[in-house]
Amino acid sequence: LGPGCVTPKGAPIPTQPDSGGFSVSFVGGQWIYEFPVSFTIDHDTQGVIDAVLHVNMFESFRWKDENKSGFLPKIFDVTPTSFEPVQRFGANSFEVKLSPAAG
């Protein structure tokens, strides 16, 4: 999910709008992530500072396997009218690091 991502009609959407410190919302037909960041910048710092966002996406999309005809274990099964229940949708955690710009 990110700028420009559009959710097709009927596609699974997050049932929990926040996880891993992020919140997600659907604005103007697009999904956006929002997250709080708090850091102090020394006013005596010279030069450019990089802010790098590390996001933990390990198993960020999880669902509950259902034992239905034609469904396979460990596969997110979708039919034209339904899908297996989504249990997790989105980042697990994030970290922001500040450092002098490279190069």
Protein backbone atom coordinates (compact mmCIF):
# COMPACT_ATOMS: atom_id res chain seq x y z
CA LEU A 1 0.00 0.00 0.00
CA GLY A 2 1.20 3.47 -0.71
CA PRO A 3 0.59 6.50 -2.85
CA GLY A 4 -1.17 5.49 -6.03
CA CYS A 5 -2.36 2.12 -4.70
CA VAL A 6 -6.02 1.55 -5.39
CA THR A 7 -8.13 -1.15 -3.77
CA PRO A 8 -10.18 -3.09 -6.32
CA LYS A 9 -13.87 -3.33 -5.48
CA GLY A 10 -14.43 -6.28 -3.14
CA ALA A 11 -10.71 -6.76 -2.33
CA PRO A 12 -9.74 -7.50 1.28
CA ILE A 13 -9.08 -4.42 3.35
CA PRO A 14 -7.55 -4.09 6.82
CA THR A 15 -10.01 -4.83 9.60
CA GLN A 16 -7.58 -3.32 12.11
CA PRO A 17 -6.66 0.19 10.89
CA ASP A 18 -3.42 0.33 12.86
CA SER A 19 -0.55 -2.03 13.51
CA GLY A 20 3.16 -1.78 14.08
CA GLY A 21 2.89 1.90 15.01
CA PHE A 22 1.28 2.80 11.68
CA SER A 23 -2.29 3.72 10.98
CA VAL A 24 -3.83 3.32 7.57
CA SER A 25 -6.69 5.24 6.05
CA PHE A 26 -8.48 5.38 2.72
CA VAL A 27 -8.47 8.99 1.44
CA GLY A 28 -9.60 10.15 -1.97
CA GLY A 29 -9.67 6.61 -3.34
CA GLN A 30 -6.12 5.81 -2.16
CA TRP A 31 -4.59 4.12 0.89
CA ILE A 32 -2.09 6.11 2.96
CA TYR A 33 0.08 5.14 5.94
CA GLU A 34 0.54 7.62 8.77
CA PHE A 35 3.01 7.26 11.61
CA PRO A 36 4.27 9.42 14.46
CA VAL A 37 7.91 10.49 14.51
CA SER A 38 9.61 12.38 17.30
CA PHE A 39 13.27 13.41 17.15
CA THR A 40 15.44 16.33 18.16
CA ILE A 41 17.75 18.06 15.70
CA ASP A 42 20.67 20.06 17.10
CA HIS A 43 20.48 23.56 15.58
CA ASP A 44 24.29 23.64 15.39
CA THR A 45 24.29 20.68 12.97
CA GLN A 46 25.87 21.56 9.65
CA GLY A 47 25.01 19.90 6.34
CA VAL A 48 22.30 17.59 5.19
CA ILE A 49 20.75 14.96 7.45
CA ASP A 50 19.18 11.78 6.05
CA ALA A 51 16.07 10.39 7.71
CA VAL A 52 15.83 6.67 6.93
CA LEU A 53 12.65 4.71 7.62
CA HIS A 54 13.10 0.97 8.25
CA VAL A 55 9.86 -1.03 8.11
CA ASN A 56 9.45 -4.62 9.35
CA MET A 57 7.19 -6.32 6.80
CA PHE A 58 7.86 -9.96 7.85
CA GLU A 59 4.61 -11.88 7.41
CA SER A 60 2.78 -8.58 7.05
CA PHE A 61 -0.06 -10.25 5.15
CA ARG A 62 -1.59 -13.18 7.02
CA TRP A 63 -4.89 -14.95 6.63
CA LYS A 64 -6.83 -17.84 8.16
CA ASP A 65 -6.76 -20.94 5.98
CA GLU A 66 -10.24 -22.36 5.46
CA ASN A 67 -10.91 -26.00 4.71
CA LYS A 68 -13.21 -25.57 1.70
CA SER A 69 -13.48 -27.53 -1.50
CA GLY A 70 -10.78 -26.42 -3.91
CA PHE A 71 -8.88 -24.35 -1.29
CA LEU A 72 -5.22 -25.18 -0.70
CA PRO A 73 -3.37 -25.00 2.62
CA LYS A 74 -0.91 -22.09 3.02
CA ILE A 75 -2.34 -20.37 -0.08
CA PHE A 76 -4.49 -17.23 0.09
CA ASP A 77 -7.53 -18.59 -1.74
CA VAL A 78 -9.85 -16.23 -3.57
CA THR A 79 -13.04 -16.93 -5.50
CA PRO A 80 -14.96 -14.46 -7.64
CA THR A 81 -17.20 -13.65 -4.66
CA SER A 82 -15.13 -14.31 -1.50
CA PHE A 83 -11.70 -14.70 0.08
CA GLU A 84 -10.21 -16.28 3.19
CA PRO A 85 -10.34 -14.07 6.31
CA VAL A 86 -7.41 -11.63 6.50
CA GLN A 87 -5.85 -11.56 10.00
CA ARG A 88 -2.98 -9.12 9.46
CA PHE A 89 -2.51 -6.51 6.80
CA GLY A 90 0.40 -4.09 7.04
CA ALA A 91 3.68 -3.34 8.74
CA ASN A 92 4.71 -4.99 12.02
CA SER A 93 6.91 -2.15 13.25
CA PHE A 94 9.08 0.72 12.07
CA GLU A 95 12.16 2.67 13.11
CA VAL A 96 13.46 6.05 11.95
CA LYS A 97 17.21 6.75 12.01
CA LEU A 98 18.90 10.11 11.41
CA SER A 99 22.43 10.32 10.08
CA PRO A 100 24.67 12.73 8.13
CA ALA A 101 23.93 12.50 4.40
CA ALA A 102 26.16 10.14 2.46
CA GLY A 103 28.51 11.46 -0.20
